[in-house]
Each structure stands twice: as C-alpha cells, then as structure tokens.
Amino acid sequence: MTGRVIDPQEAVDYLLATAPRYAAAKAKRVQLEEFRKSKKAILMQQSDGKTIADREAFAYSHADYIELLNGLESAVEAEELFRWKMKAAELQVEIWRSQEASNRAE
C-alpha cells in the first residue's frame, strides 16, 4: 500500500460529478446502437442491389455506416472510461472503510 490518505467524501463527490457524464455517454451509445439499425435499413433502400445480400453489402460498406460505427466506438470508449473511473472511486470508499475498521480494531 502507498499509505495515501483516502478522503471518502472526495470519492463520493467525484461519483456525483461523474454520474451525469456517464449517463450521457451511455445514452449516446444506446442511441447510436439503435440508429445503426435504421441507418442500415435506409442504406439498403438506397441500394440498386438485386438481392438482400447485395443490399446488405452496400449498406455495410457505405461511408455513412462506417462513420456511424466509428461514432459508436467513441461512445463505448467514453462510457467505459466513466464507468471504470466511477468503479475506482467506489473502491476508494471501500478501501477507506476497511482501513477505518482496521484502525478501530487496533
């Protein structure tokens, strides 16, 4: 252990400050996941392909669809970053709680 003093209130304040950003990142990810289905359907309708497979290939290879996937990647990355930072803050509170219990036992 580093011997660093953990301020549980600081960790809780961080959780409260980060929660809206996490929620926004998650909402963006879910919105993009759902829009991906709509985008595929729109692109398939724009295709001149004769078969479903031709139209799907057109949609999946279209620049707009690839751009959407890149946006989805960024949204997932942001969501996961906030989730793990919040998890770390929760763990700081747990570590502090354990340290306090150990101090009382001494």
N, C-alpha and C. Protein backbone atom coordinates (compact mmCIF):
# COMPACT_ATOMS: atom_id res chain seq x y z
N MET A 1 0.83 -1.19 0.00
CA MET A 1 0.00 0.00 0.00
C MET A 1 0.87 1.24 0.00
N THR A 2 0.32 2.30 -0.51
CA THR A 2 1.07 3.54 -0.63
C THR A 2 1.02 4.39 0.63
N GLY A 3 0.10 4.09 1.51
CA GLY A 3 -0.04 4.88 2.72
C GLY A 3 -0.78 6.19 2.47
N ARG A 4 -1.29 6.35 1.29
CA ARG A 4 -2.01 7.57 0.93
C ARG A 4 -3.32 7.64 1.70
N VAL A 5 -3.64 8.81 2.20
CA VAL A 5 -4.89 9.00 2.94
C VAL A 5 -6.02 9.16 1.92
N ILE A 6 -7.05 8.38 2.13
CA ILE A 6 -8.20 8.41 1.23
C ILE A 6 -9.30 9.25 1.85
N ASP A 7 -9.78 10.19 1.10
CA ASP A 7 -10.90 11.03 1.53
C ASP A 7 -12.17 10.47 0.90
N PRO A 8 -13.02 9.80 1.68
CA PRO A 8 -14.21 9.18 1.09
C PRO A 8 -15.17 10.22 0.53
N GLN A 9 -15.22 11.40 1.14
CA GLN A 9 -16.12 12.43 0.63
C GLN A 9 -15.68 12.90 -0.75
N GLU A 10 -14.38 12.97 -0.97
CA GLU A 10 -13.86 13.34 -2.28
C GLU A 10 -14.26 12.30 -3.33
N ALA A 11 -14.20 11.04 -2.96
CA ALA A 11 -14.59 9.96 -3.88
C ALA A 11 -16.08 10.03 -4.19
N VAL A 12 -16.89 10.28 -3.17
CA VAL A 12 -18.34 10.38 -3.37
C VAL A 12 -18.66 11.61 -4.23
N ASP A 13 -17.98 12.71 -3.96
CA ASP A 13 -18.19 13.92 -4.78
C ASP A 13 -17.84 13.64 -6.24
N TYR A 14 -16.78 12.89 -6.45
CA TYR A 14 -16.39 12.52 -7.82
C TYR A 14 -17.49 11.69 -8.48
N LEU A 15 -18.03 10.73 -7.73
CA LEU A 15 -19.11 9.90 -8.27
C LEU A 15 -20.31 10.76 -8.67
N LEU A 16 -20.66 11.69 -7.81
CA LEU A 16 -21.81 12.55 -8.08
C LEU A 16 -21.55 13.46 -9.29
N ALA A 17 -20.33 13.93 -9.44
CA ALA A 17 -19.98 14.80 -10.56
C ALA A 17 -19.89 14.02 -11.87
N THR A 18 -19.47 12.78 -11.79
CA THR A 18 -19.24 11.98 -12.99
C THR A 18 -20.50 11.27 -13.46
N ALA A 19 -21.43 11.03 -12.58
CA ALA A 19 -22.64 10.28 -12.93
C ALA A 19 -23.38 10.87 -14.14
N PRO A 20 -23.58 12.19 -14.21
CA PRO A 20 -24.28 12.72 -15.39
C PRO A 20 -23.49 12.51 -16.69
N ARG A 21 -22.17 12.59 -16.62
CA ARG A 21 -21.35 12.37 -17.81
C ARG A 21 -21.42 10.92 -18.24
N TYR A 22 -21.42 10.01 -17.27
CA TYR A 22 -21.56 8.59 -17.57
C TYR A 22 -22.92 8.32 -18.21
N ALA A 23 -23.96 8.91 -17.63
CA ALA A 23 -25.31 8.71 -18.16
C ALA A 23 -25.41 9.23 -19.60
N ALA A 24 -24.81 10.39 -19.86
CA ALA A 24 -24.84 10.95 -21.21
C ALA A 24 -24.08 10.06 -22.19
N ALA A 25 -22.94 9.53 -21.76
CA ALA A 25 -22.15 8.65 -22.62
C ALA A 25 -22.92 7.36 -22.91
N LYS A 26 -23.58 6.83 -21.90
CA LYS A 26 -24.35 5.60 -22.11
C LYS A 26 -25.55 5.86 -23.02
N ALA A 27 -26.22 6.99 -22.82
CA ALA A 27 -27.35 7.33 -23.67
C ALA A 27 -26.91 7.47 -25.13
N LYS A 28 -25.76 8.08 -25.35
CA LYS A 28 -25.24 8.25 -26.70
C LYS A 28 -24.95 6.89 -27.33
N ARG A 29 -24.33 5.99 -26.54
CA ARG A 29 -24.03 4.67 -27.06
C ARG A 29 -25.30 3.92 -27.47
N VAL A 30 -26.31 3.94 -26.61
CA VAL A 30 -27.56 3.24 -26.89
C VAL A 30 -28.24 3.85 -28.11
N GLN A 31 -28.24 5.19 -28.19
CA GLN A 31 -28.86 5.86 -29.33
C GLN A 31 -28.17 5.44 -30.63
N LEU A 32 -26.84 5.40 -30.63
CA LEU A 32 -26.11 5.00 -31.83
C LEU A 32 -26.35 3.54 -32.18
N GLU A 33 -26.43 2.68 -31.18
CA GLU A 33 -26.72 1.26 -31.45
C GLU A 33 -28.08 1.10 -32.12
N GLU A 34 -29.06 1.85 -31.64
CA GLU A 34 -30.40 1.74 -32.22
C GLU A 34 -30.45 2.40 -33.60
N PHE A 35 -29.78 3.53 -33.75
CA PHE A 35 -29.77 4.23 -35.03
C PHE A 35 -29.05 3.41 -36.10
N ARG A 36 -28.09 2.60 -35.68
CA ARG A 36 -27.36 1.74 -36.62
C ARG A 36 -28.32 0.87 -37.42
N LYS A 37 -29.34 0.37 -36.77
CA LYS A 37 -30.34 -0.47 -37.45
C LYS A 37 -31.12 0.36 -38.48
N SER A 38 -31.51 1.57 -38.08
CA SER A 38 -32.23 2.44 -39.01
C SER A 38 -31.34 2.82 -40.19
N LYS A 39 -30.09 3.15 -39.91
CA LYS A 39 -29.16 3.54 -40.97
C LYS A 39 -28.99 2.41 -41.97
N LYS A 40 -28.87 1.19 -41.47
CA LYS A 40 -28.73 0.03 -42.36
C LYS A 40 -29.96 -0.07 -43.26
N ALA A 41 -31.14 0.07 -42.69
CA ALA A 41 -32.38 -0.03 -43.48
C ALA A 41 -32.44 1.08 -44.53
N ILE A 42 -32.08 2.29 -44.15
CA ILE A 42 -32.10 3.41 -45.09
C ILE A 42 -31.14 3.16 -46.24
N LEU A 43 -29.94 2.71 -45.91
CA LEU A 43 -28.94 2.45 -46.95
C LEU A 43 -29.34 1.29 -47.84
N MET A 44 -29.96 0.28 -47.24
CA MET A 44 -30.41 -0.85 -48.07
C MET A 44 -31.47 -0.40 -49.06
N GLN A 45 -32.34 0.53 -48.67
CA GLN A 45 -33.35 1.05 -49.58
C GLN A 45 -32.73 1.86 -50.71
N GLN A 46 -31.60 2.50 -50.44
CA GLN A 46 -30.92 3.30 -51.45
C GLN A 46 -30.15 2.44 -52.46
N SER A 47 -29.92 1.19 -52.12
CA SER A 47 -29.12 0.30 -52.96
C SER A 47 -29.89 -0.12 -54.21
N ASP A 48 -29.14 -0.34 -55.27
CA ASP A 48 -29.71 -0.88 -56.50
C ASP A 48 -29.54 -2.40 -56.58
N GLY A 49 -29.05 -2.99 -55.50
CA GLY A 49 -28.79 -4.42 -55.49
C GLY A 49 -30.04 -5.24 -55.74
N LYS A 50 -29.84 -6.37 -56.36
CA LYS A 50 -30.97 -7.24 -56.71
C LYS A 50 -31.39 -8.14 -55.55
N THR A 51 -30.42 -8.53 -54.74
CA THR A 51 -30.72 -9.45 -53.63
C THR A 51 -30.54 -8.73 -52.30
N ILE A 52 -31.07 -9.36 -51.27
CA ILE A 52 -30.89 -8.83 -49.91
C ILE A 52 -29.41 -8.77 -49.58
N ALA A 53 -28.68 -9.79 -49.95
CA ALA A 53 -27.23 -9.82 -49.67
C ALA A 53 -26.52 -8.66 -50.35
N ASP A 54 -26.90 -8.35 -51.59
CA ASP A 54 -26.30 -7.22 -52.31
C ASP A 54 -26.59 -5.91 -51.58
N ARG A 55 -27.83 -5.76 -51.14
CA ARG A 55 -28.22 -4.52 -50.45
C ARG A 55 -27.53 -4.40 -49.09
N GLU A 56 -27.42 -5.53 -48.40
CA GLU A 56 -26.71 -5.52 -47.11
C GLU A 56 -25.25 -5.16 -47.30
N ALA A 57 -24.62 -5.74 -48.30
CA ALA A 57 -23.21 -5.44 -48.58
C ALA A 57 -23.04 -3.96 -48.88
N PHE A 58 -23.96 -3.38 -49.62
CA PHE A 58 -23.92 -1.95 -49.93
C PHE A 58 -24.01 -1.14 -48.63
N ALA A 59 -24.98 -1.50 -47.79
CA ALA A 59 -25.19 -0.75 -46.54
C ALA A 59 -23.98 -0.85 -45.62
N TYR A 60 -23.47 -2.06 -45.43
CA TYR A 60 -22.35 -2.25 -44.51
C TYR A 60 -21.06 -1.60 -44.99
N SER A 61 -20.91 -1.45 -46.29
CA SER A 61 -19.68 -0.85 -46.82
C SER A 61 -19.81 0.65 -47.09
N HIS A 62 -20.98 1.19 -46.88
CA HIS A 62 -21.21 2.61 -47.15
C HIS A 62 -20.45 3.48 -46.14
N ALA A 63 -19.92 4.60 -46.62
CA ALA A 63 -19.14 5.51 -45.77
C ALA A 63 -19.95 6.02 -44.58
N ASP A 64 -21.24 6.27 -44.78
CA ASP A 64 -22.08 6.75 -43.67
C ASP A 64 -22.20 5.70 -42.57
N TYR A 65 -22.31 4.44 -42.96
CA TYR A 65 -22.42 3.36 -41.98
C TYR A 65 -21.11 3.19 -41.22
N ILE A 66 -20.01 3.27 -41.93
CA ILE A 66 -18.69 3.15 -41.29
C ILE A 66 -18.46 4.32 -40.34
N GLU A 67 -18.89 5.51 -40.74
CA GLU A 67 -18.78 6.67 -39.86
C GLU A 67 -19.60 6.48 -38.58
N LEU A 68 -20.79 5.91 -38.73
CA LEU A 68 -21.63 5.63 -37.57
C LEU A 68 -20.93 4.64 -36.64
N LEU A 69 -20.31 3.62 -37.20
CA LEU A 69 -19.59 2.64 -36.38
C LEU A 69 -18.42 3.30 -35.64
N ASN A 70 -17.74 4.24 -36.28
CA ASN A 70 -16.66 4.96 -35.60
C ASN A 70 -17.20 5.80 -34.45
N GLY A 71 -18.37 6.40 -34.65
CA GLY A 71 -19.02 7.14 -33.57
C GLY A 71 -19.43 6.23 -32.43
N LEU A 72 -19.90 5.05 -32.77
CA LEU A 72 -20.26 4.07 -31.75
C LEU A 72 -19.04 3.65 -30.95
N GLU A 73 -17.93 3.46 -31.64
CA GLU A 73 -16.68 3.11 -30.95
C GLU A 73 -16.30 4.19 -29.94
N SER A 74 -16.38 5.43 -30.34
CA SER A 74 -16.05 6.55 -29.44
C SER A 74 -17.01 6.61 -28.26
N ALA A 75 -18.30 6.36 -28.51
CA ALA A 75 -19.29 6.40 -27.44
C ALA A 75 -19.05 5.29 -26.42
N VAL A 76 -18.72 4.11 -26.89
CA VAL A 76 -18.43 2.99 -25.98
C VAL A 76 -17.17 3.29 -25.16
N GLU A 77 -16.16 3.85 -25.81
CA GLU A 77 -14.93 4.19 -25.11
C GLU A 77 -15.20 5.21 -24.00
N ALA A 78 -15.98 6.24 -24.29
CA ALA A 78 -16.30 7.25 -23.28
C ALA A 78 -17.10 6.64 -22.15
N GLU A 79 -18.08 5.83 -22.47
CA GLU A 79 -18.90 5.19 -21.44
C GLU A 79 -18.05 4.31 -20.53
N GLU A 80 -17.19 3.51 -21.12
CA GLU A 80 -16.36 2.61 -20.32
C GLU A 80 -15.35 3.38 -19.46
N LEU A 81 -14.81 4.46 -19.99
CA LEU A 81 -13.89 5.30 -19.21
C LEU A 81 -14.58 5.82 -17.96
N PHE A 82 -15.78 6.39 -18.13
CA PHE A 82 -16.50 6.92 -16.97
C PHE A 82 -16.90 5.79 -16.02
N ARG A 83 -17.31 4.66 -16.55
CA ARG A 83 -17.73 3.53 -15.70
C ARG A 83 -16.58 3.06 -14.82
N TRP A 84 -15.39 2.91 -15.41
CA TRP A 84 -14.26 2.40 -14.63
C TRP A 84 -13.71 3.44 -13.66
N LYS A 85 -13.79 4.72 -14.03
CA LYS A 85 -13.37 5.76 -13.08
C LYS A 85 -14.33 5.80 -11.89
N MET A 86 -15.61 5.61 -12.16
CA MET A 86 -16.58 5.58 -11.06
C MET A 86 -16.37 4.34 -10.20
N LYS A 87 -16.05 3.23 -10.82
CA LYS A 87 -15.77 2.00 -10.07
C LYS A 87 -14.55 2.20 -9.18
N ALA A 88 -13.53 2.89 -9.69
CA ALA A 88 -12.33 3.17 -8.89
C ALA A 88 -12.67 4.04 -7.69
N ALA A 89 -13.54 5.02 -7.88
CA ALA A 89 -13.96 5.87 -6.76
C ALA A 89 -14.73 5.05 -5.73
N GLU A 90 -15.58 4.14 -6.18
CA GLU A 90 -16.29 3.26 -5.26
C GLU A 90 -15.31 2.40 -4.47
N LEU A 91 -14.28 1.91 -5.14
CA LEU A 91 -13.28 1.09 -4.46
C LEU A 91 -12.50 1.91 -3.44
N GLN A 92 -12.27 3.18 -3.72
CA GLN A 92 -11.59 4.03 -2.74
C GLN A 92 -12.41 4.13 -1.46
N VAL A 93 -13.71 4.26 -1.60
CA VAL A 93 -14.58 4.31 -0.42
C VAL A 93 -14.50 2.99 0.33
N GLU A 94 -14.49 1.87 -0.38
CA GLU A 94 -14.38 0.56 0.27
C GLU A 94 -13.04 0.39 0.98
N ILE A 95 -11.97 0.84 0.35
CA ILE A 95 -10.65 0.76 0.98
C ILE A 95 -10.64 1.61 2.24
N TRP A 96 -11.17 2.80 2.16
CA TRP A 96 -11.24 3.69 3.33
C TRP A 96 -12.03 3.02 4.45
N ARG A 97 -13.15 2.40 4.08
CA ARG A 97 -13.99 1.72 5.08
C ARG A 97 -13.20 0.60 5.76
N SER A 98 -12.45 -0.17 4.99
CA SER A 98 -11.64 -1.26 5.55
C SER A 98 -10.55 -0.71 6.46
N GLN A 99 -9.91 0.38 6.02
CA GLN A 99 -8.86 0.98 6.84
C GLN A 99 -9.42 1.49 8.17
N GLU A 100 -10.59 2.11 8.10
CA GLU A 100 -11.22 2.60 9.32
C GLU A 100 -11.59 1.46 10.26
N ALA A 101 -12.06 0.37 9.72
CA ALA A 101 -12.40 -0.80 10.54
C ALA A 101 -11.13 -1.36 11.18
N SER A 102 -10.03 -1.40 10.42
CA SER A 102 -8.77 -1.89 10.97
C SER A 102 -8.26 -0.96 12.08
N ASN A 103 -8.40 0.33 11.87
CA ASN A 103 -7.97 1.30 12.87
C ASN A 103 -8.78 1.14 14.16
N ARG A 104 -10.08 0.89 14.04
CA ARG A 104 -10.91 0.69 15.24
C ARG A 104 -10.52 -0.60 15.95
N ALA A 105 -10.14 -1.61 15.21
CA ALA A 105 -9.78 -2.89 15.81
C ALA A 105 -8.45 -2.79 16.58
N GLU A 106 -7.60 -1.88 16.17
CA GLU A 106 -6.31 -1.70 16.86
C GLU A 106 -6.56 -1.02 18.13
